[in-house]
Amino acid sequence: MKDRVSNDIKAKEPLEKWESINWKLVNKRIRNLRQRIYRSTQNGQWNKVRSLMKLTIRSYSNLLLSVGRVTQENQGKRTNGIDGQTATTPAERVKLLKEMKEHTLWKAHAPQKGIHSKS
């Protein structure tokens, strides 16, 4: 079955301006995914729930919404995070979005040498 939001996983063209984001469409896509997860949960379709949750995590709209919430809506938006950075301007938000787009949590990474090695 081909999913309706598969085109959303990877953005077609790179985002240049934060102001050019269609927030109505972003919220609609995420709301649709959340409703599908809820309906699948109510029907006991746990494999579908798992697949939809993975799709939500990989979704570009979810990334946009997450970056927007952390940098604009959250109470600690002006406080440095664990990385010591804040993203207060639209250009910084676009930069953060591009960095997060390259970061893939759902893929296994090779361990770095020297971090947990015993001597």
PDB file of N, CA and C in Angstrom:
ATOM      1  N   MET A   1       0.830  -1.180   0.000  1.00  0.00           N
ATOM      2  CA  MET A   1       0.000   0.000   0.000  1.00  0.00           C
ATOM      3  C   MET A   1       0.879   1.249   0.000  1.00  0.00           C
ATOM      4  N   LYS A   2       0.651   2.124  -0.930  1.00  0.00           N
ATOM      5  CA  LYS A   2       1.423   3.359  -1.005  1.00  0.00           C
ATOM      6  C   LYS A   2       0.806   4.381  -0.062  1.00  0.00           C
ATOM      7  N   ASP A   3       1.646   4.977   0.758  1.00  0.00           N
ATOM      8  CA  ASP A   3       1.156   5.933   1.734  1.00  0.00           C
ATOM      9  C   ASP A   3       0.997   7.312   1.133  1.00  0.00           C
ATOM     10  N   ARG A   4      -0.015   8.029   1.595  1.00  0.00           N
ATOM     11  CA  ARG A   4      -0.296   9.358   1.048  1.00  0.00           C
ATOM     12  C   ARG A   4       0.740  10.406   1.435  1.00  0.00           C
ATOM     13  N   VAL A   5       1.483  10.174   2.496  1.00  0.00           N
ATOM     14  CA  VAL A   5       2.458  11.157   2.930  1.00  0.00           C
ATOM     15  C   VAL A   5       3.885  10.766   2.584  1.00  0.00           C
ATOM     16  N   SER A   6       4.074   9.801   1.698  1.00  0.00           N
ATOM     17  CA  SER A   6       5.430   9.374   1.357  1.00  0.00           C
ATOM     18  C   SER A   6       6.210  10.500   0.681  1.00  0.00           C
ATOM     19  N   ASN A   7       5.527  11.386  -0.022  1.00  0.00           N
ATOM     20  CA  ASN A   7       6.219  12.521  -0.645  1.00  0.00           C
ATOM     21  C   ASN A   7       6.708  13.510   0.391  1.00  0.00           C
ATOM     22  N   ASP A   8       6.150  13.448   1.584  1.00  0.00           N
ATOM     23  CA  ASP A   8       6.481  14.391   2.640  1.00  0.00           C
ATOM     24  C   ASP A   8       7.773  14.014   3.367  1.00  0.00           C
ATOM     25  N   ILE A   9       8.214  12.775   3.244  1.00  0.00           N
ATOM     26  CA  ILE A   9       9.370  12.316   4.006  1.00  0.00           C
ATOM     27  C   ILE A   9      10.613  13.113   3.630  1.00  0.00           C
ATOM     28  N   LYS A  10      10.866  13.283   2.390  1.00  0.00           N
ATOM     29  CA  LYS A  10      11.993  14.105   1.938  1.00  0.00           C
ATOM     30  C   LYS A  10      11.439  15.309   1.188  1.00  0.00           C
ATOM     31  N   ALA A  11      11.938  16.473   1.506  1.00  0.00           N
ATOM     32  CA  ALA A  11      11.466  17.685   0.837  1.00  0.00           C
ATOM     33  C   ALA A  11      11.970  17.698  -0.604  1.00  0.00           C
ATOM     34  N   LYS A  12      11.151  18.206  -1.504  1.00  0.00           N
ATOM     35  CA  LYS A  12      11.523  18.229  -2.913  1.00  0.00           C
ATOM     36  C   LYS A  12      12.602  19.265  -3.196  1.00  0.00           C
ATOM     37  N   GLU A  13      12.428  20.458  -2.666  1.00  0.00           N
ATOM     38  CA  GLU A  13      13.439  21.492  -2.861  1.00  0.00           C
ATOM     39  C   GLU A  13      13.861  22.001  -1.492  1.00  0.00           C
ATOM     40  N   PRO A  14      15.109  22.419  -1.360  1.00  0.00           N
ATOM     41  CA  PRO A  14      15.578  22.884  -0.053  1.00  0.00           C
ATOM     42  C   PRO A  14      14.870  24.174   0.364  1.00  0.00           C
ATOM     43  N   LEU A  15      14.598  24.267   1.638  1.00  0.00           N
ATOM     44  CA  LEU A  15      13.935  25.441   2.186  1.00  0.00           C
ATOM     45  C   LEU A  15      14.920  26.603   2.243  1.00  0.00           C
ATOM     46  N   GLU A  16      14.530  27.734   1.710  1.00  0.00           N
ATOM     47  CA  GLU A  16      15.396  28.920   1.704  1.00  0.00           C
ATOM     48  C   GLU A  16      14.936  29.972   2.713  1.00  0.00           C
ATOM     49  N   LYS A  17      13.610  30.134   2.847  1.00  0.00           N
ATOM     50  CA  LYS A  17      13.074  31.150   3.746  1.00  0.00           C
ATOM     51  C   LYS A  17      12.094  30.516   4.721  1.00  0.00           C
ATOM     52  N   TRP A  18      12.269  30.826   5.981  1.00  0.00           N
ATOM     53  CA  TRP A  18      11.392  30.312   7.021  1.00  0.00           C
ATOM     54  C   TRP A  18       9.958  30.811   6.813  1.00  0.00           C
ATOM     55  N   GLU A  19       9.829  32.009   6.307  1.00  0.00           N
ATOM     56  CA  GLU A  19       8.511  32.613   6.107  1.00  0.00           C
ATOM     57  C   GLU A  19       7.724  31.948   4.979  1.00  0.00           C
ATOM     58  N   SER A  20       8.394  31.191   4.121  1.00  0.00           N
ATOM     59  CA  SER A  20       7.724  30.566   2.982  1.00  0.00           C
ATOM     60  C   SER A  20       7.045  29.233   3.330  1.00  0.00           C
ATOM     61  N   ILE A  21       7.128  28.814   4.588  1.00  0.00           N
ATOM     62  CA  ILE A  21       6.535  27.546   4.999  1.00  0.00           C
ATOM     63  C   ILE A  21       5.016  27.688   5.050  1.00  0.00           C
ATOM     64  N   ASN A  22       4.319  26.731   4.461  1.00  0.00           N
ATOM     65  CA  ASN A  22       2.863  26.685   4.494  1.00  0.00           C
ATOM     66  C   ASN A  22       2.450  25.937   5.768  1.00  0.00           C
ATOM     67  N   TRP A  23       2.284  26.683   6.861  1.00  0.00           N
ATOM     68  CA  TRP A  23       2.019  26.068   8.160  1.00  0.00           C
ATOM     69  C   TRP A  23       0.678  25.356   8.198  1.00  0.00           C
ATOM     70  N   LYS A  24      -0.282  25.830   7.438  1.00  0.00           N
ATOM     71  CA  LYS A  24      -1.590  25.177   7.399  1.00  0.00           C
ATOM     72  C   LYS A  24      -1.453  23.757   6.851  1.00  0.00           C
ATOM     73  N   LEU A  25      -0.659  23.594   5.788  1.00  0.00           N
ATOM     74  CA  LEU A  25      -0.431  22.277   5.198  1.00  0.00           C
ATOM     75  C   LEU A  25       0.384  21.382   6.134  1.00  0.00           C
ATOM     76  N   VAL A  26       1.401  21.956   6.790  1.00  0.00           N
ATOM     77  CA  VAL A  26       2.228  21.190   7.727  1.00  0.00           C
ATOM     78  C   VAL A  26       1.364  20.638   8.858  1.00  0.00           C
ATOM     79  N   ASN A  27       0.546  21.499   9.453  1.00  0.00           N
ATOM     80  CA  ASN A  27      -0.328  21.058  10.548  1.00  0.00           C
ATOM     81  C   ASN A  27      -1.350  20.036  10.083  1.00  0.00           C
ATOM     82  N   LYS A  28      -1.853  20.189   8.869  1.00  0.00           N
ATOM     83  CA  LYS A  28      -2.829  19.244   8.319  1.00  0.00           C
ATOM     84  C   LYS A  28      -2.205  17.861   8.154  1.00  0.00           C
ATOM     85  N   ARG A  29      -0.985  17.805   7.640  1.00  0.00           N
ATOM     86  CA  ARG A  29      -0.307  16.515   7.438  1.00  0.00           C
ATOM     87  C   ARG A  29      -0.054  15.798   8.758  1.00  0.00           C
ATOM     88  N   ILE A  30       0.422  16.548   9.747  1.00  0.00           N
ATOM     89  CA  ILE A  30       0.718  15.940  11.041  1.00  0.00           C
ATOM     90  C   ILE A  30      -0.570  15.516  11.739  1.00  0.00           C
ATOM     91  N   ARG A  31      -1.604  16.336  11.665  1.00  0.00           N
ATOM     92  CA  ARG A  31      -2.894  15.990  12.263  1.00  0.00           C
ATOM     93  C   ARG A  31      -3.448  14.717  11.612  1.00  0.00           C
ATOM     94  N   ASN A  32      -3.295  14.612  10.302  1.00  0.00           N
ATOM     95  CA  ASN A  32      -3.761  13.424   9.579  1.00  0.00           C
ATOM     96  C   ASN A  32      -3.018  12.174  10.064  1.00  0.00           C
ATOM     97  N   LEU A  33      -1.710  12.268  10.191  1.00  0.00           N
ATOM     98  CA  LEU A  33      -0.936  11.120  10.673  1.00  0.00           C
ATOM     99  C   LEU A  33      -1.352  10.735  12.092  1.00  0.00           C
ATOM    100  N   ARG A  34      -1.528  11.734  12.960  1.00  0.00           N
ATOM    101  CA  ARG A  34      -1.916  11.452  14.340  1.00  0.00           C
ATOM    102  C   ARG A  34      -3.296  10.812  14.412  1.00  0.00           C
ATOM    103  N   GLN A  35      -4.225  11.251  13.571  1.00  0.00           N
ATOM    104  CA  GLN A  35      -5.555  10.653  13.542  1.00  0.00           C
ATOM    105  C   GLN A  35      -5.495   9.211  13.057  1.00  0.00           C
ATOM    106  N   ARG A  36      -4.655   8.946  12.068  1.00  0.00           N
ATOM    107  CA  ARG A  36      -4.505   7.577  11.567  1.00  0.00           C
ATOM    108  C   ARG A  36      -3.906   6.664  12.638  1.00  0.00           C
ATOM    109  N   ILE A  37      -2.946   7.198  13.407  1.00  0.00           N
ATOM    110  CA  ILE A  37      -2.373   6.414  14.503  1.00  0.00           C
ATOM    111  C   ILE A  37      -3.447   6.121  15.544  1.00  0.00           C
ATOM    112  N   TYR A  38      -4.259   7.113  15.882  1.00  0.00           N
ATOM    113  CA  TYR A  38      -5.319   6.932  16.868  1.00  0.00           C
ATOM    114  C   TYR A  38      -6.334   5.879  16.402  1.00  0.00           C
ATOM    115  N   ARG A  39      -6.776   5.987  15.156  1.00  0.00           N
ATOM    116  CA  ARG A  39      -7.751   5.029  14.631  1.00  0.00           C
ATOM    117  C   ARG A  39      -7.181   3.608  14.610  1.00  0.00           C
ATOM    118  N   SER A  40      -5.921   3.486  14.220  1.00  0.00           N
ATOM    119  CA  SER A  40      -5.288   2.161  14.189  1.00  0.00           C
ATOM    120  C   SER A  40      -5.151   1.593  15.587  1.00  0.00           C
ATOM    121  N   THR A  41      -4.868   2.447  16.565  1.00  0.00           N
ATOM    122  CA  THR A  41      -4.773   2.009  17.953  1.00  0.00           C
ATOM    123  C   THR A  41      -6.123   1.507  18.439  1.00  0.00           C
ATOM    124  N   GLN A  42      -7.176   2.251  18.141  1.00  0.00           N
ATOM    125  CA  GLN A  42      -8.521   1.860  18.558  1.00  0.00           C
ATOM    126  C   GLN A  42      -8.942   0.527  17.938  1.00  0.00           C
ATOM    127  N   ASN A  43      -8.464   0.261  16.715  1.00  0.00           N
ATOM    128  CA  ASN A  43      -8.804  -0.987  16.015  1.00  0.00           C
ATOM    129  C   ASN A  43      -7.855  -2.129  16.344  1.00  0.00           C
ATOM    130  N   GLY A  44      -6.832  -1.853  17.158  1.00  0.00           N
ATOM    131  CA  GLY A  44      -5.885  -2.894  17.541  1.00  0.00           C
ATOM    132  C   GLY A  44      -4.932  -3.302  16.433  1.00  0.00           C
ATOM    133  N   GLN A  45      -4.721  -2.436  15.453  1.00  0.00           N
ATOM    134  CA  GLN A  45      -3.818  -2.730  14.334  1.00  0.00           C
ATOM    135  C   GLN A  45      -2.406  -2.251  14.703  1.00  0.00           C
ATOM    136  N   TRP A  46      -1.726  -3.028  15.537  1.00  0.00           N
ATOM    137  CA  TRP A  46      -0.466  -2.581  16.125  1.00  0.00           C
ATOM    138  C   TRP A  46       0.666  -2.491  15.109  1.00  0.00           C
ATOM    139  N   ASN A  47       0.685  -3.341  14.096  1.00  0.00           N
ATOM    140  CA  ASN A  47       1.711  -3.230  13.054  1.00  0.00           C
ATOM    141  C   ASN A  47       1.553  -1.928  12.282  1.00  0.00           C
ATOM    142  N   LYS A  48       0.314  -1.554  12.011  1.00  0.00           N
ATOM    143  CA  LYS A  48       0.047  -0.304  11.315  1.00  0.00           C
ATOM    144  C   LYS A  48       0.417   0.885  12.195  1.00  0.00           C
ATOM    145  N   VAL A  49       0.128   0.793  13.483  1.00  0.00           N
ATOM    146  CA  VAL A  49       0.494   1.859  14.422  1.00  0.00           C
ATOM    147  C   VAL A  49       2.003   2.070  14.389  1.00  0.00           C
ATOM    148  N   ARG A  50       2.748   0.981  14.458  1.00  0.00           N
ATOM    149  CA  ARG A  50       4.207   1.062  14.451  1.00  0.00           C
ATOM    150  C   ARG A  50       4.714   1.691  13.150  1.00  0.00           C
ATOM    151  N   SER A  51       4.145   1.283  12.028  1.00  0.00           N
ATOM    152  CA  SER A  51       4.550   1.827  10.729  1.00  0.00           C
ATOM    153  C   SER A  51       4.237   3.316  10.631  1.00  0.00           C
ATOM    154  N   LEU A  52       3.059   3.709  11.099  1.00  0.00           N
ATOM    155  CA  LEU A  52       2.683   5.122  11.048  1.00  0.00           C
ATOM    156  C   LEU A  52       3.534   5.970  11.979  1.00  0.00           C
ATOM    157  N   MET A  53       3.926   5.412  13.116  1.00  0.00           N
ATOM    158  CA  MET A  53       4.802   6.160  14.025  1.00  0.00           C
ATOM    159  C   MET A  53       6.172   6.367  13.392  1.00  0.00           C
ATOM    160  N   LYS A  54       6.690   5.342  12.722  1.00  0.00           N
ATOM    161  CA  LYS A  54       7.963   5.493  12.018  1.00  0.00           C
ATOM    162  C   LYS A  54       7.851   6.545  10.925  1.00  0.00           C
ATOM    163  N   LEU A  55       6.729   6.514  10.211  1.00  0.00           N
ATOM    164  CA  LEU A  55       6.493   7.497   9.156  1.00  0.00           C
ATOM    165  C   LEU A  55       6.437   8.913   9.729  1.00  0.00           C
ATOM    166  N   THR A  56       5.814   9.058  10.882  1.00  0.00           N
ATOM    167  CA  THR A  56       5.738  10.364  11.538  1.00  0.00           C
ATOM    168  C   THR A  56       7.127  10.858  11.917  1.00  0.00           C
ATOM    169  N   ILE A  57       7.946   9.978  12.441  1.00  0.00           N
ATOM    170  CA  ILE A  57       9.306  10.375  12.842  1.00  0.00           C
ATOM    171  C   ILE A  57      10.120  10.833  11.637  1.00  0.00           C
ATOM    172  N   ARG A  58       9.947  10.176  10.501  1.00  0.00           N
ATOM    173  CA  ARG A  58      10.713  10.510   9.300  1.00  0.00           C
ATOM    174  C   ARG A  58      10.127  11.676   8.504  1.00  0.00           C
ATOM    175  N   SER A  59       8.950  12.111   8.875  1.00  0.00           N
ATOM    176  CA  SER A  59       8.224  13.124   8.118  1.00  0.00           C
ATOM    177  C   SER A  59       8.906  14.492   8.183  1.00  0.00           C
ATOM    178  N   TYR A  60       9.020  15.131   7.037  1.00  0.00           N
ATOM    179  CA  TYR A  60       9.587  16.483   6.964  1.00  0.00           C
ATOM    180  C   TYR A  60       8.668  17.485   7.658  1.00  0.00           C
ATOM    181  N   SER A  61       7.365  17.280   7.544  1.00  0.00           N
ATOM    182  CA  SER A  61       6.407  18.169   8.217  1.00  0.00           C
ATOM    183  C   SER A  61       6.574  18.085   9.726  1.00  0.00           C
ATOM    184  N   ASN A  62       6.835  16.902  10.253  1.00  0.00           N
ATOM    185  CA  ASN A  62       7.066  16.742  11.680  1.00  0.00           C
ATOM    186  C   ASN A  62       8.332  17.488  12.104  1.00  0.00           C
ATOM    187  N   LEU A  63       9.359  17.433  11.279  1.00  0.00           N
ATOM    188  CA  LEU A  63      10.592  18.157  11.573  1.00  0.00           C
ATOM    189  C   LEU A  63      10.346  19.664  11.574  1.00  0.00           C
ATOM    190  N   LEU A  64       9.616  20.155  10.575  1.00  0.00           N
ATOM    191  CA  LEU A  64       9.282  21.579  10.524  1.00  0.00           C
ATOM    192  C   LEU A  64       8.519  22.010  11.772  1.00  0.00           C
ATOM    193  N   LEU A  65       7.516  21.231  12.134  1.00  0.00           N
ATOM    194  CA  LEU A  65       6.699  21.557  13.292  1.00  0.00           C
ATOM    195  C   LEU A  65       7.526  21.521  14.578  1.00  0.00           C
ATOM    196  N   SER A  66       8.405  20.548  14.698  1.00  0.00           N
ATOM    197  CA  SER A  66       9.247  20.424  15.892  1.00  0.00           C
ATOM    198  C   SER A  66      10.210  21.597  16.028  1.00  0.00           C
ATOM    199  N   VAL A  67      10.876  21.947  14.948  1.00  0.00           N
ATOM    200  CA  VAL A  67      11.807  23.080  14.987  1.00  0.00           C
ATOM    201  C   VAL A  67      11.048  24.369  15.290  1.00  0.00           C
ATOM    202  N   GLY A  68       9.875  24.526  14.705  1.00  0.00           N
ATOM    203  CA  GLY A  68       9.069  25.715  14.976  1.00  0.00           C
ATOM    204  C   GLY A  68       8.667  25.818  16.431  1.00  0.00           C
ATOM    205  N   ARG A  69       8.257  24.703  17.020  1.00  0.00           N
ATOM    206  CA  ARG A  69       7.851  24.724  18.430  1.00  0.00           C
ATOM    207  C   ARG A  69       9.020  25.031  19.356  1.00  0.00           C
ATOM    208  N   VAL A  70      10.144  24.388  19.107  1.00  0.00           N
ATOM    209  CA  VAL A  70      11.298  24.562  19.989  1.00  0.00           C
ATOM    210  C   VAL A  70      11.877  25.973  19.889  1.00  0.00           C
ATOM    211  N   THR A  71      11.852  26.564  18.700  1.00  0.00           N
ATOM    212  CA  THR A  71      12.500  27.862  18.512  1.00  0.00           C
ATOM    213  C   THR A  71      11.553  29.049  18.617  1.00  0.00           C
ATOM    214  N   GLN A  72      10.235  28.811  18.583  1.00  0.00           N
ATOM    215  CA  GLN A  72       9.310  29.936  18.612  1.00  0.00           C
ATOM    216  C   GLN A  72       8.276  29.865  19.728  1.00  0.00           C
ATOM    217  N   GLU A  73       7.801  28.691  20.066  1.00  0.00           N
ATOM    218  CA  GLU A  73       6.689  28.581  20.994  1.00  0.00           C
ATOM    219  C   GLU A  73       7.095  28.216  22.413  1.00  0.00           C
ATOM    220  N   ASN A  74       8.110  27.390  22.575  1.00  0.00           N
ATOM    221  CA  ASN A  74       8.484  26.918  23.905  1.00  0.00           C
ATOM    222  C   ASN A  74       8.950  28.058  24.799  1.00  0.00           C
ATOM    223  N   GLN A  75       8.740  27.872  26.089  1.00  0.00           N
ATOM    224  CA  GLN A  75       9.111  28.891  27.059  1.00  0.00           C
ATOM    225  C   GLN A  75      10.629  29.103  27.088  1.00  0.00           C
ATOM    226  N   GLY A  76      11.409  28.067  26.867  1.00  0.00           N
ATOM    227  CA  GLY A  76      12.868  28.169  26.906  1.00  0.00           C
ATOM    228  C   GLY A  76      13.499  28.449  25.560  1.00  0.00           C
ATOM    229  N   LYS A  77      12.795  29.114  24.673  1.00  0.00           N
ATOM    230  CA  LYS A  77      13.296  29.335  23.310  1.00  0.00           C
ATOM    231  C   LYS A  77      14.543  30.213  23.255  1.00  0.00           C
ATOM    232  N   ARG A  78      14.768  31.050  24.257  1.00  0.00           N
ATOM    233  CA  ARG A  78      15.953  31.910  24.258  1.00  0.00           C
ATOM    234  C   ARG A  78      17.089  31.342  25.108  1.00  0.00           C
ATOM    235  N   THR A  79      16.850  30.178  25.699  1.00  0.00           N
ATOM    236  CA  THR A  79      17.841  29.535  26.552  1.00  0.00           C
ATOM    237  C   THR A  79      18.661  28.559  25.721  1.00  0.00           C
ATOM    238  N   ASN A  80      19.985  28.582  25.928  1.00  0.00           N
ATOM    239  CA  ASN A  80      20.843  27.640  25.209  1.00  0.00           C
ATOM    240  C   ASN A  80      20.480  26.212  25.567  1.00  0.00           C
ATOM    241  N   GLY A  81      20.511  25.363  24.559  1.00  0.00           N
ATOM    242  CA  GLY A  81      20.249  23.949  24.781  1.00  0.00           C
ATOM    243  C   GLY A  81      21.517  23.230  25.209  1.00  0.00           C
ATOM    244  N   ILE A  82      21.470  21.917  25.160  1.00  0.00           N
ATOM    245  CA  ILE A  82      22.619  21.115  25.553  1.00  0.00           C
ATOM    246  C   ILE A  82      23.803  21.343  24.610  1.00  0.00           C
ATOM    247  N   ASP A  83      23.506  21.743  23.372  1.00  0.00           N
ATOM    248  CA  ASP A  83      24.562  22.026  22.408  1.00  0.00           C
ATOM    249  C   ASP A  83      25.077  23.461  22.516  1.00  0.00           C
ATOM    250  N   GLY A  84      24.475  24.279  23.382  1.00  0.00           N
ATOM    251  CA  GLY A  84      24.935  25.645  23.576  1.00  0.00           C
ATOM    252  C   GLY A  84      24.474  26.599  22.489  1.00  0.00           C
ATOM    253  N   GLN A  85      23.460  26.227  21.723  1.00  0.00           N
ATOM    254  CA  GLN A  85      22.996  27.057  20.617  1.00  0.00           C
ATOM    255  C   GLN A  85      21.541  27.452  20.812  1.00  0.00           C
ATOM    256  N   THR A  86      21.206  28.607  20.252  1.00  0.00           N
ATOM    257  CA  THR A  86      19.807  29.014  20.152  1.00  0.00           C
ATOM    258  C   THR A  86      19.559  29.396  18.702  1.00  0.00           C
ATOM    259  N   ALA A  87      18.299  29.341  18.288  1.00  0.00           N
ATOM    260  CA  ALA A  87      17.935  29.716  16.925  1.00  0.00           C
ATOM    261  C   ALA A  87      16.804  30.732  17.021  1.00  0.00           C
ATOM    262  N   THR A  88      17.179  32.011  17.082  1.00  0.00           N
ATOM    263  CA  THR A  88      16.173  33.045  17.284  1.00  0.00           C
ATOM    264  C   THR A  88      15.758  33.740  15.994  1.00  0.00           C
ATOM    265  N   THR A  89      16.590  33.720  14.977  1.00  0.00           N
ATOM    266  CA  THR A  89      16.243  34.374  13.717  1.00  0.00           C
ATOM    267  C   THR A  89      15.759  33.331  12.709  1.00  0.00           C
ATOM    268  N   PRO A  90      14.990  33.748  11.710  1.00  0.00           N
ATOM    269  CA  PRO A  90      14.539  32.798  10.690  1.00  0.00           C
ATOM    270  C   PRO A  90      15.685  32.093   9.960  1.00  0.00           C
ATOM    271  N   ALA A  91      16.775  32.800   9.703  1.00  0.00           N
ATOM    272  CA  ALA A  91      17.922  32.186   9.026  1.00  0.00           C
ATOM    273  C   ALA A  91      18.544  31.086   9.895  1.00  0.00           C
ATOM    274  N   GLU A  92      18.620  31.327  11.204  1.00  0.00           N
ATOM    275  CA  GLU A  92      19.159  30.314  12.110  1.00  0.00           C
ATOM    276  C   GLU A  92      18.236  29.096  12.184  1.00  0.00           C
ATOM    277  N   ARG A  93      16.919  29.341  12.092  1.00  0.00           N
ATOM    278  CA  ARG A  93      15.964  28.233  12.114  1.00  0.00           C
ATOM    279  C   ARG A  93      16.115  27.365  10.868  1.00  0.00           C
ATOM    280  N   VAL A  94      16.308  27.990   9.714  1.00  0.00           N
ATOM    281  CA  VAL A  94      16.515  27.242   8.472  1.00  0.00           C
ATOM    282  C   VAL A  94      17.798  26.423   8.571  1.00  0.00           C
ATOM    283  N   LYS A  95      18.840  27.020   9.130  1.00  0.00           N
ATOM    284  CA  LYS A  95      20.112  26.313   9.308  1.00  0.00           C
ATOM    285  C   LYS A  95      19.926  25.103  10.232  1.00  0.00           C
ATOM    286  N   LEU A  96      19.212  25.297  11.335  1.00  0.00           N
ATOM    287  CA  LEU A  96      18.933  24.202  12.267  1.00  0.00           C
ATOM    288  C   LEU A  96      18.120  23.107  11.586  1.00  0.00           C
ATOM    289  N   LEU A  97      17.145  23.501  10.786  1.00  0.00           N
ATOM    290  CA  LEU A  97      16.314  22.545  10.060  1.00  0.00           C
ATOM    291  C   LEU A  97      17.157  21.698   9.113  1.00  0.00           C
ATOM    292  N   LYS A  98      18.082  22.340   8.400  1.00  0.00           N
ATOM    293  CA  LYS A  98      18.949  21.604   7.475  1.00  0.00           C
ATOM    294  C   LYS A  98      19.863  20.637   8.219  1.00  0.00           C
ATOM    295  N   GLU A  99      20.364  21.058   9.384  1.00  0.00           N
ATOM    296  CA  GLU A  99      21.214  20.172  10.189  1.00  0.00           C
ATOM    297  C   GLU A  99      20.416  18.967  10.693  1.00  0.00           C
ATOM    298  N   MET A 100      19.202  19.225  11.156  1.00  0.00           N
ATOM    299  CA  MET A 100      18.374  18.144  11.684  1.00  0.00           C
ATOM    300  C   MET A 100      17.903  17.198  10.576  1.00  0.00           C
ATOM    301  N   LYS A 101      17.742  17.712   9.367  1.00  0.00           N
ATOM    302  CA  LYS A 101      17.321  16.879   8.248  1.00  0.00           C
ATOM    303  C   LYS A 101      18.383  15.837   7.919  1.00  0.00           C
ATOM    304  N   GLU A 102      19.642  16.179   8.107  1.00  0.00           N
ATOM    305  CA  GLU A 102      20.737  15.246   7.839  1.00  0.00           C
ATOM    306  C   GLU A 102      20.898  14.221   8.955  1.00  0.00           C
ATOM    307  N   HIS A 103      20.385  14.528  10.142  1.00  0.00           N
ATOM    308  CA  HIS A 103      20.507  13.644  11.300  1.00  0.00           C
ATOM    309  C   HIS A 103      19.420  12.582  11.227  1.00  0.00           C
ATOM    310  N   THR A 104      19.806  11.323  11.176  1.00  0.00           N
ATOM    311  CA  THR A 104      18.844  10.237  11.050  1.00  0.00           C
ATOM    312  C   THR A 104      18.859   9.386  12.311  1.00  0.00           C
ATOM    313  N   LEU A 105      17.873   9.599  13.168  1.00  0.00           N
ATOM    314  CA  LEU A 105      17.785   8.848  14.415  1.00  0.00           C
ATOM    315  C   LEU A 105      17.412   7.393  14.195  1.00  0.00           C
ATOM    316  N   TRP A 106      16.683   7.108  13.123  1.00  0.00           N
ATOM    317  CA  TRP A 106      16.155   5.771  12.931  1.00  0.00           C
ATOM    318  C   TRP A 106      17.169   4.813  12.307  1.00  0.00           C
ATOM    319  N   LYS A 107      18.370   5.301  11.973  1.00  0.00           N
ATOM    320  CA  LYS A 107      19.389   4.426  11.414  1.00  0.00           C
ATOM    321  C   LYS A 107      20.476   4.184  12.449  1.00  0.00           C
ATOM    322  N   ALA A 108      20.988   2.979  12.450  1.00  0.00           N
ATOM    323  CA  ALA A 108      22.057   2.639  13.381  1.00  0.00           C
ATOM    324  C   ALA A 108      23.356   3.293  12.923  1.00  0.00           C
ATOM    325  N   HIS A 109      24.100   3.843  13.856  1.00  0.00           N
ATOM    326  CA  HIS A 109      25.382   4.474  13.560  1.00  0.00           C
ATOM    327  C   HIS A 109      26.497   3.611  14.127  1.00  0.00           C
ATOM    328  N   ALA A 110      27.626   3.615  13.440  1.00  0.00           N
ATOM    329  CA  ALA A 110      28.794   2.893  13.942  1.00  0.00           C
ATOM    330  C   ALA A 110      29.321   3.628  15.172  1.00  0.00           C
ATOM    331  N   PRO A 111      29.718   2.898  16.203  1.00  0.00           N
ATOM    332  CA  PRO A 111      30.217   3.561  17.411  1.00  0.00           C
ATOM    333  C   PRO A 111      31.528   4.295  17.128  1.00  0.00           C
ATOM    334  N   GLN A 112      31.675   5.422  17.786  1.00  0.00           N
ATOM    335  CA  GLN A 112      32.902   6.206  17.620  1.00  0.00           C
ATOM    336  C   GLN A 112      33.989   5.611  18.498  1.00  0.00           C
ATOM    337  N   LYS A 113      35.208   5.673  18.012  1.00  0.00           N
ATOM    338  CA  LYS A 113      36.328   5.102  18.751  1.00  0.00           C
ATOM    339  C   LYS A 113      36.670   6.013  19.937  1.00  0.00           C
ATOM    340  N   GLY A 114      37.016   5.382  21.044  1.00  0.00           N
ATOM    341  CA  GLY A 114      37.538   6.127  22.184  1.00  0.00           C
ATOM    342  C   GLY A 114      36.486   6.590  23.172  1.00  0.00           C
ATOM    343  N   ILE A 115      35.228   6.528  22.837  1.00  0.00           N
ATOM    344  CA  ILE A 115      34.216   7.030  23.755  1.00  0.00           C
ATOM    345  C   ILE A 115      33.977   6.051  24.898  1.00  0.00           C
ATOM    346  N   HIS A 116      33.713   4.808  24.572  1.00  0.00           N
ATOM    347  CA  HIS A 116      33.405   3.825  25.612  1.00  0.00           C
ATOM    348  C   HIS A 116      34.421   2.684  25.646  1.00  0.00           C
ATOM    349  N   SER A 117      35.582   2.911  25.103  1.00  0.00           N
ATOM    350  CA  SER A 117      36.565   1.835  25.092  1.00  0.00           C
ATOM    351  C   SER A 117      37.253   1.716  26.446  1.00  0.00           C
ATOM    352  N   LYS A 118      37.482   0.474  26.853  1.00  0.00           N
ATOM    353  CA  LYS A 118      38.158   0.224  28.128  1.00  0.00           C
ATOM    354  C   LYS A 118      39.648   0.073  27.888  1.00  0.00           C
ATOM    355  N   SER A 119      40.442   0.721  28.687  1.00  0.00           N
ATOM    356  CA  SER A 119      41.897   0.654  28.523  1.00  0.00           C
ATOM    357  C   SER A 119      42.507  -0.322  29.465  1.00  0.00           C
TER     358      SER A 119
END
